Amino acid sequence: FLDTTGSGLGDLRGIISKIPYIKSLGVDALWL
């Protein structure tokens, strides 16, 4: 999804940072 640490692997902080974007789509829940 999104790497915020430079590891080359996505992480939870990346998901948290994109909650405004995800909410803007109109969805109601995330499944990880």
PDB file of all heavy atoms in Angstrom:
ATOM      1  N   PHE A   1       0.819  -1.217   0.000  1.00  0.00           N
ATOM      2  CA  PHE A   1       0.000   0.000   0.000  1.00  0.00           C
ATOM      3  C   PHE A   1       0.853   1.267   0.000  1.00  0.00           C
ATOM      4  O   PHE A   1       0.819   2.046  -0.943  1.00  0.00           O
ATOM      5  CB  PHE A   1      -0.970  -0.021   1.177  1.00  0.00           C
ATOM      6  CG  PHE A   1      -2.091   0.982   1.042  1.00  0.00           C
ATOM      7  CD1 PHE A   1      -3.004   0.864   0.001  1.00  0.00           C
ATOM      8  CD2 PHE A   1      -2.237   2.016   1.940  1.00  0.00           C
ATOM      9  CE1 PHE A   1      -4.046   1.776  -0.143  1.00  0.00           C
ATOM     10  CE2 PHE A   1      -3.270   2.929   1.816  1.00  0.00           C
ATOM     11  CZ  PHE A   1      -4.171   2.822   0.777  1.00  0.00           C
ATOM     12  N   LEU A   2       1.641   1.491   1.035  1.00  0.00           N
ATOM     13  CA  LEU A   2       2.513   2.668   1.082  1.00  0.00           C
ATOM     14  C   LEU A   2       3.621   2.448   2.100  1.00  0.00           C
ATOM     15  O   LEU A   2       3.362   2.114   3.254  1.00  0.00           O
ATOM     16  CB  LEU A   2       1.707   3.923   1.458  1.00  0.00           C
ATOM     17  CG  LEU A   2       2.506   5.228   1.496  1.00  0.00           C
ATOM     18  CD1 LEU A   2       3.068   5.568   0.108  1.00  0.00           C
ATOM     19  CD2 LEU A   2       1.657   6.379   2.024  1.00  0.00           C
ATOM     20  N   ASP A   3       4.849   2.653   1.656  1.00  0.00           N
ATOM     21  CA  ASP A   3       6.039   2.513   2.508  1.00  0.00           C
ATOM     22  C   ASP A   3       6.430   3.885   3.046  1.00  0.00           C
ATOM     23  O   ASP A   3       6.715   4.807   2.278  1.00  0.00           O
ATOM     24  CB  ASP A   3       7.170   1.912   1.667  1.00  0.00           C
ATOM     25  CG  ASP A   3       8.519   1.938   2.380  1.00  0.00           C
ATOM     26  OD1 ASP A   3       8.533   2.014   3.627  1.00  0.00           O
ATOM     27  OD2 ASP A   3       9.550   1.886   1.683  1.00  0.00           O
ATOM     28  N   THR A   4       6.449   4.029   4.376  1.00  0.00           N
ATOM     29  CA  THR A   4       6.848   5.301   4.984  1.00  0.00           C
ATOM     30  C   THR A   4       8.218   5.225   5.652  1.00  0.00           C
ATOM     31  O   THR A   4       8.695   6.222   6.190  1.00  0.00           O
ATOM     32  CB  THR A   4       5.818   5.762   6.042  1.00  0.00           C
ATOM     33  OG1 THR A   4       5.775   4.800   7.109  1.00  0.00           O
ATOM     34  CG2 THR A   4       4.439   5.923   5.429  1.00  0.00           C
ATOM     35  N   THR A   5       8.864   4.050   5.619  1.00  0.00           N
ATOM     36  CA  THR A   5      10.131   3.878   6.324  1.00  0.00           C
ATOM     37  C   THR A   5      11.320   3.695   5.386  1.00  0.00           C
ATOM     38  O   THR A   5      12.455   3.659   5.854  1.00  0.00           O
ATOM     39  CB  THR A   5      10.060   2.655   7.256  1.00  0.00           C
ATOM     40  OG1 THR A   5       9.896   1.462   6.472  1.00  0.00           O
ATOM     41  CG2 THR A   5       8.903   2.777   8.235  1.00  0.00           C
ATOM     42  N   GLY A   6      11.069   3.556   4.101  1.00  0.00           N
ATOM     43  CA  GLY A   6      12.155   3.332   3.155  1.00  0.00           C
ATOM     44  C   GLY A   6      12.631   1.905   3.100  1.00  0.00           C
ATOM     45  O   GLY A   6      13.701   1.620   2.562  1.00  0.00           O
ATOM     46  N   SER A   7      11.826   0.991   3.627  1.00  0.00           N
ATOM     47  CA  SER A   7      12.203  -0.430   3.647  1.00  0.00           C
ATOM     48  C   SER A   7      11.900  -1.124   2.324  1.00  0.00           C
ATOM     49  O   SER A   7      12.373  -2.236   2.082  1.00  0.00           O
ATOM     50  CB  SER A   7      11.465  -1.154   4.771  1.00  0.00           C
ATOM     51  OG  SER A   7      10.067  -1.201   4.497  1.00  0.00           O
ATOM     52  N   GLY A   8      11.090  -0.501   1.492  1.00  0.00           N
ATOM     53  CA  GLY A   8      10.629  -1.145   0.270  1.00  0.00           C
ATOM     54  C   GLY A   8       9.356  -1.941   0.472  1.00  0.00           C
ATOM     55  O   GLY A   8       8.826  -2.534  -0.471  1.00  0.00           O
ATOM     56  N   LEU A   9       8.857  -1.952   1.709  1.00  0.00           N
ATOM     57  CA  LEU A   9       7.665  -2.707   2.092  1.00  0.00           C
ATOM     58  C   LEU A   9       6.659  -1.738   2.702  1.00  0.00           C
ATOM     59  O   LEU A   9       7.021  -0.867   3.503  1.00  0.00           O
ATOM     60  CB  LEU A   9       8.055  -3.771   3.119  1.00  0.00           C
ATOM     61  CG  LEU A   9       7.124  -4.952   3.365  1.00  0.00           C
ATOM     62  CD1 LEU A   9       7.113  -5.886   2.159  1.00  0.00           C
ATOM     63  CD2 LEU A   9       7.579  -5.730   4.603  1.00  0.00           C
ATOM     64  N   GLY A  10       5.385  -1.884   2.340  1.00  0.00           N
ATOM     65  CA  GLY A  10       4.361  -1.041   2.924  1.00  0.00           C
ATOM     66  C   GLY A  10       4.244  -1.245   4.424  1.00  0.00           C
ATOM     67  O   GLY A  10       4.751  -2.220   4.982  1.00  0.00           O
ATOM     68  N   ASP A  11       3.579  -0.316   5.114  1.00  0.00           N
ATOM     69  CA  ASP A  11       3.498  -0.392   6.572  1.00  0.00           C
ATOM     70  C   ASP A  11       2.224   0.261   7.087  1.00  0.00           C
ATOM     71  O   ASP A  11       1.483   0.897   6.333  1.00  0.00           O
ATOM     72  CB  ASP A  11       4.730   0.261   7.208  1.00  0.00           C
ATOM     73  CG  ASP A  11       5.013   1.653   6.661  1.00  0.00           C
ATOM     74  OD1 ASP A  11       4.162   2.552   6.838  1.00  0.00           O
ATOM     75  OD2 ASP A  11       6.081   1.844   6.037  1.00  0.00           O
ATOM     76  N   LEU A  12       1.979   0.087   8.370  1.00  0.00           N
ATOM     77  CA  LEU A  12       0.752   0.583   8.986  1.00  0.00           C
ATOM     78  C   LEU A  12       0.676   2.105   9.011  1.00  0.00           C
ATOM     79  O   LEU A  12      -0.402   2.683   8.848  1.00  0.00           O
ATOM     80  CB  LEU A  12       0.623   0.027  10.409  1.00  0.00           C
ATOM     81  CG  LEU A  12       0.312  -1.479  10.485  1.00  0.00           C
ATOM     82  CD1 LEU A  12       0.569  -2.010  11.886  1.00  0.00           C
ATOM     83  CD2 LEU A  12      -1.124  -1.763  10.058  1.00  0.00           C
ATOM     84  N   ARG A  13       1.824   2.776   9.202  1.00  0.00           N
ATOM     85  CA  ARG A  13       1.799   4.238   9.193  1.00  0.00           C
ATOM     86  C   ARG A  13       1.388   4.754   7.815  1.00  0.00           C
ATOM     87  O   ARG A  13       0.722   5.788   7.690  1.00  0.00           O
ATOM     88  CB  ARG A  13       3.163   4.816   9.570  1.00  0.00           C
ATOM     89  CG  ARG A  13       3.734   4.412  10.913  1.00  0.00           C
ATOM     90  CD  ARG A  13       2.787   4.540  12.075  1.00  0.00           C
ATOM     91  NE  ARG A  13       2.153   5.840  12.234  1.00  0.00           N
ATOM     92  CZ  ARG A  13       1.256   6.124  13.180  1.00  0.00           C
ATOM     93  NH1 ARG A  13       0.905   5.196  14.056  1.00  0.00           N
ATOM     94  NH2 ARG A  13       0.727   7.318  13.252  1.00  0.00           N
ATOM     95  N   GLY A  14       1.770   4.019   6.774  1.00  0.00           N
ATOM     96  CA  GLY A  14       1.344   4.400   5.439  1.00  0.00           C
ATOM     97  C   GLY A  14      -0.160   4.310   5.281  1.00  0.00           C
ATOM     98  O   GLY A  14      -0.795   5.191   4.673  1.00  0.00           O
ATOM     99  N   ILE A  15      -0.750   3.252   5.835  1.00  0.00           N
ATOM    100  CA  ILE A  15      -2.208   3.109   5.775  1.00  0.00           C
ATOM    101  C   ILE A  15      -2.888   4.235   6.547  1.00  0.00           C
ATOM    102  O   ILE A  15      -3.838   4.867   6.054  1.00  0.00           O
ATOM    103  CB  ILE A  15      -2.632   1.736   6.327  1.00  0.00           C
ATOM    104  CG1 ILE A  15      -2.065   0.616   5.441  1.00  0.00           C
ATOM    105  CG2 ILE A  15      -4.158   1.631   6.400  1.00  0.00           C
ATOM    106  CD1 ILE A  15      -2.204  -0.770   6.036  1.00  0.00           C
ATOM    107  N   ILE A  16      -2.390   4.508   7.752  1.00  0.00           N
ATOM    108  CA  ILE A  16      -2.983   5.567   8.576  1.00  0.00           C
ATOM    109  C   ILE A  16      -2.929   6.912   7.850  1.00  0.00           C
ATOM    110  O   ILE A  16      -3.898   7.680   7.868  1.00  0.00           O
ATOM    111  CB  ILE A  16      -2.267   5.639   9.938  1.00  0.00           C
ATOM    112  CG1 ILE A  16      -2.545   4.365  10.750  1.00  0.00           C
ATOM    113  CG2 ILE A  16      -2.702   6.878  10.722  1.00  0.00           C
ATOM    114  CD1 ILE A  16      -1.663   4.209  11.984  1.00  0.00           C
ATOM    115  N   SER A  17      -1.803   7.175   7.177  1.00  0.00           N
ATOM    116  CA  SER A  17      -1.652   8.463   6.494  1.00  0.00           C
ATOM    117  C   SER A  17      -2.629   8.640   5.340  1.00  0.00           C
ATOM    118  O   SER A  17      -2.914   9.770   4.931  1.00  0.00           O
ATOM    119  CB  SER A  17      -0.216   8.613   5.976  1.00  0.00           C
ATOM    120  OG  SER A  17       0.024   7.793   4.841  1.00  0.00           O
ATOM    121  N   LYS A  18      -3.145   7.533   4.823  1.00  0.00           N
ATOM    122  CA  LYS A  18      -4.049   7.604   3.671  1.00  0.00           C
ATOM    123  C   LYS A  18      -5.520   7.446   4.048  1.00  0.00           C
ATOM    124  O   LYS A  18      -6.370   7.336   3.162  1.00  0.00           O
ATOM    125  CB  LYS A  18      -3.665   6.531   2.652  1.00  0.00           C
ATOM    126  CG  LYS A  18      -2.326   6.787   1.966  1.00  0.00           C
ATOM    127  CD  LYS A  18      -2.344   8.078   1.131  1.00  0.00           C
ATOM    128  CE  LYS A  18      -1.039   8.279   0.383  1.00  0.00           C
ATOM    129  NZ  LYS A  18      -1.061   9.528  -0.432  1.00  0.00           N
ATOM    130  N   ILE A  19      -5.849   7.467   5.326  1.00  0.00           N
ATOM    131  CA  ILE A  19      -7.258   7.362   5.717  1.00  0.00           C
ATOM    132  C   ILE A  19      -8.103   8.484   5.115  1.00  0.00           C
ATOM    133  O   ILE A  19      -9.217   8.225   4.637  1.00  0.00           O
ATOM    134  CB  ILE A  19      -7.398   7.286   7.252  1.00  0.00           C
ATOM    135  CG1 ILE A  19      -6.902   5.920   7.738  1.00  0.00           C
ATOM    136  CG2 ILE A  19      -8.853   7.500   7.679  1.00  0.00           C
ATOM    137  CD1 ILE A  19      -6.914   5.748   9.242  1.00  0.00           C
ATOM    138  N   PRO A  20      -7.625   9.745   5.075  1.00  0.00           N
ATOM    139  CA  PRO A  20      -8.447  10.772   4.421  1.00  0.00           C
ATOM    140  C   PRO A  20      -8.750  10.440   2.954  1.00  0.00           C
ATOM    141  O   PRO A  20      -9.869  10.665   2.485  1.00  0.00           O
ATOM    142  CB  PRO A  20      -7.589  12.038   4.536  1.00  0.00           C
ATOM    143  CG  PRO A  20      -6.757  11.801   5.765  1.00  0.00           C
ATOM    144  CD  PRO A  20      -6.439  10.338   5.738  1.00  0.00           C
ATOM    145  N   TYR A  21      -7.751   9.897   2.241  1.00  0.00           N
ATOM    146  CA  TYR A  21      -7.982   9.499   0.847  1.00  0.00           C
ATOM    147  C   TYR A  21      -9.015   8.376   0.772  1.00  0.00           C
ATOM    148  O   TYR A  21      -9.959   8.431  -0.032  1.00  0.00           O
ATOM    149  CB  TYR A  21      -6.673   9.054   0.193  1.00  0.00           C
ATOM    150  CG  TYR A  21      -6.887   8.244  -1.068  1.00  0.00           C
ATOM    151  CD1 TYR A  21      -7.340   8.863  -2.232  1.00  0.00           C
ATOM    152  CD2 TYR A  21      -6.704   6.863  -1.086  1.00  0.00           C
ATOM    153  CE1 TYR A  21      -7.583   8.134  -3.383  1.00  0.00           C
ATOM    154  CE2 TYR A  21      -6.942   6.117  -2.232  1.00  0.00           C
ATOM    155  CZ  TYR A  21      -7.383   6.755  -3.380  1.00  0.00           C
ATOM    156  OH  TYR A  21      -7.631   6.028  -4.518  1.00  0.00           O
ATOM    157  N   ILE A  22      -8.838   7.352   1.601  1.00  0.00           N
ATOM    158  CA  ILE A  22      -9.748   6.200   1.557  1.00  0.00           C
ATOM    159  C   ILE A  22     -11.171   6.645   1.898  1.00  0.00           C
ATOM    160  O   ILE A  22     -12.139   6.245   1.245  1.00  0.00           O
ATOM    161  CB  ILE A  22      -9.259   5.103   2.524  1.00  0.00           C
ATOM    162  CG1 ILE A  22      -7.863   4.601   2.113  1.00  0.00           C
ATOM    163  CG2 ILE A  22     -10.238   3.942   2.558  1.00  0.00           C
ATOM    164  CD1 ILE A  22      -7.162   3.782   3.176  1.00  0.00           C
ATOM    165  N   LYS A  23     -11.292   7.503   2.905  1.00  0.00           N
ATOM    166  CA  LYS A  23     -12.615   8.004   3.296  1.00  0.00           C
ATOM    167  C   LYS A  23     -13.250   8.789   2.149  1.00  0.00           C
ATOM    168  O   LYS A  23     -14.468   8.723   1.941  1.00  0.00           O
ATOM    169  CB  LYS A  23     -12.500   8.882   4.540  1.00  0.00           C
ATOM    170  CG  LYS A  23     -13.845   9.390   5.072  1.00  0.00           C
ATOM    171  CD  LYS A  23     -13.671  10.179   6.346  1.00  0.00           C
ATOM    172  CE  LYS A  23     -15.006  10.777   6.823  1.00  0.00           C
ATOM    173  NZ  LYS A  23     -15.982   9.730   7.184  1.00  0.00           N
ATOM    174  N   SER A  24     -12.425   9.499   1.384  1.00  0.00           N
ATOM    175  CA  SER A  24     -12.960  10.321   0.294  1.00  0.00           C
ATOM    176  C   SER A  24     -13.630   9.480  -0.790  1.00  0.00           C
ATOM    177  O   SER A  24     -14.458   9.985  -1.545  1.00  0.00           O
ATOM    178  CB  SER A  24     -11.847  11.171  -0.333  1.00  0.00           C
ATOM    179  OG  SER A  24     -10.998  10.392  -1.183  1.00  0.00           O
ATOM    180  N   LEU A  25     -13.268   8.216  -0.870  1.00  0.00           N
ATOM    181  CA  LEU A  25     -13.897   7.334  -1.848  1.00  0.00           C
ATOM    182  C   LEU A  25     -15.338   7.012  -1.476  1.00  0.00           C
ATOM    183  O   LEU A  25     -16.143   6.648  -2.334  1.00  0.00           O
ATOM    184  CB  LEU A  25     -13.114   6.019  -1.966  1.00  0.00           C
ATOM    185  CG  LEU A  25     -11.657   6.121  -2.430  1.00  0.00           C
ATOM    186  CD1 LEU A  25     -10.985   4.750  -2.349  1.00  0.00           C
ATOM    187  CD2 LEU A  25     -11.569   6.686  -3.839  1.00  0.00           C
ATOM    188  N   GLY A  26     -15.643   7.096  -0.186  1.00  0.00           N
ATOM    189  CA  GLY A  26     -16.979   6.767   0.299  1.00  0.00           C
ATOM    190  C   GLY A  26     -17.082   5.392   0.923  1.00  0.00           C
ATOM    191  O   GLY A  26     -18.177   4.962   1.296  1.00  0.00           O
ATOM    192  N   VAL A  27     -15.941   4.682   1.052  1.00  0.00           N
ATOM    193  CA  VAL A  27     -15.996   3.344   1.640  1.00  0.00           C
ATOM    194  C   VAL A  27     -16.180   3.445   3.156  1.00  0.00           C
ATOM    195  O   VAL A  27     -15.925   4.483   3.763  1.00  0.00           O
ATOM    196  CB  VAL A  27     -14.740   2.512   1.297  1.00  0.00           C
ATOM    197  CG1 VAL A  27     -14.577   2.395  -0.207  1.00  0.00           C
ATOM    198  CG2 VAL A  27     -13.492   3.097   1.938  1.00  0.00           C
ATOM    199  N   ASP A  28     -16.591   2.331   3.756  1.00  0.00           N
ATOM    200  CA  ASP A  28     -16.988   2.341   5.161  1.00  0.00           C
ATOM    201  C   ASP A  28     -16.069   1.552   6.083  1.00  0.00           C
ATOM    202  O   ASP A  28     -16.142   1.694   7.296  1.00  0.00           O
ATOM    203  CB  ASP A  28     -18.405   1.771   5.283  1.00  0.00           C
ATOM    204  CG  ASP A  28     -19.383   2.534   4.406  1.00  0.00           C
ATOM    205  OD1 ASP A  28     -19.789   3.637   4.804  1.00  0.00           O
ATOM    206  OD2 ASP A  28     -19.720   2.036   3.316  1.00  0.00           O
ATOM    207  N   ALA A  29     -15.251   0.676   5.508  1.00  0.00           N
ATOM    208  CA  ALA A  29     -14.395  -0.170   6.344  1.00  0.00           C
ATOM    209  C   ALA A  29     -13.188  -0.619   5.539  1.00  0.00           C
ATOM    210  O   ALA A  29     -13.223  -0.684   4.300  1.00  0.00           O
ATOM    211  CB  ALA A  29     -15.170  -1.388   6.855  1.00  0.00           C
ATOM    212  N   LEU A  30     -12.121  -0.951   6.265  1.00  0.00           N
ATOM    213  CA  LEU A  30     -10.924  -1.533   5.671  1.00  0.00           C
ATOM    214  C   LEU A  30     -10.822  -2.990   6.074  1.00  0.00           C
ATOM    215  O   LEU A  30     -11.160  -3.356   7.200  1.00  0.00           O
ATOM    216  CB  LEU A  30      -9.648  -0.829   6.162  1.00  0.00           C
ATOM    217  CG  LEU A  30      -9.511   0.664   5.967  1.00  0.00           C
ATOM    218  CD1 LEU A  30      -8.108   1.109   6.365  1.00  0.00           C
ATOM    219  CD2 LEU A  30      -9.808   1.067   4.542  1.00  0.00           C
ATOM    220  N   TRP A  31     -10.338  -3.794   5.148  1.00  0.00           N
ATOM    221  CA  TRP A  31      -9.932  -5.169   5.453  1.00  0.00           C
ATOM    222  C   TRP A  31      -8.449  -5.257   5.130  1.00  0.00           C
ATOM    223  O   TRP A  31      -8.037  -5.005   4.009  1.00  0.00           O
ATOM    224  CB  TRP A  31     -10.757  -6.169   4.651  1.00  0.00           C
ATOM    225  CG  TRP A  31     -10.107  -7.499   4.398  1.00  0.00           C
ATOM    226  CD1 TRP A  31      -9.205  -8.155   5.195  1.00  0.00           C
ATOM    227  CD2 TRP A  31     -10.304  -8.351   3.256  1.00  0.00           C
ATOM    228  NE1 TRP A  31      -8.831  -9.354   4.615  1.00  0.00           N
ATOM    229  CE2 TRP A  31      -9.485  -9.488   3.430  1.00  0.00           C
ATOM    230  CE3 TRP A  31     -11.093  -8.256   2.115  1.00  0.00           C
ATOM    231  CZ2 TRP A  31      -9.443 -10.531   2.491  1.00  0.00           C
ATOM    232  CZ3 TRP A  31     -11.050  -9.286   1.186  1.00  0.00           C
ATOM    233  CH2 TRP A  31     -10.226 -10.414   1.381  1.00  0.00           C
ATOM    234  N   LEU A  32      -7.651  -5.597   6.142  1.00  0.00           N
ATOM    235  CA  LEU A  32      -6.215  -5.752   5.954  1.00  0.00           C
ATOM    236  C   LEU A  32      -5.869  -7.223   5.793  1.00  0.00           C
ATOM    237  O   LEU A  32      -6.234  -8.052   6.624  1.00  0.00           O
ATOM    238  CB  LEU A  32      -5.433  -5.211   7.152  1.00  0.00           C
ATOM    239  CG  LEU A  32      -5.612  -3.742   7.540  1.00  0.00           C
ATOM    240  CD1 LEU A  32      -4.578  -3.372   8.593  1.00  0.00           C
ATOM    241  CD2 LEU A  32      -5.521  -2.830   6.337  1.00  0.00           C
TER     242      LEU A  32
END
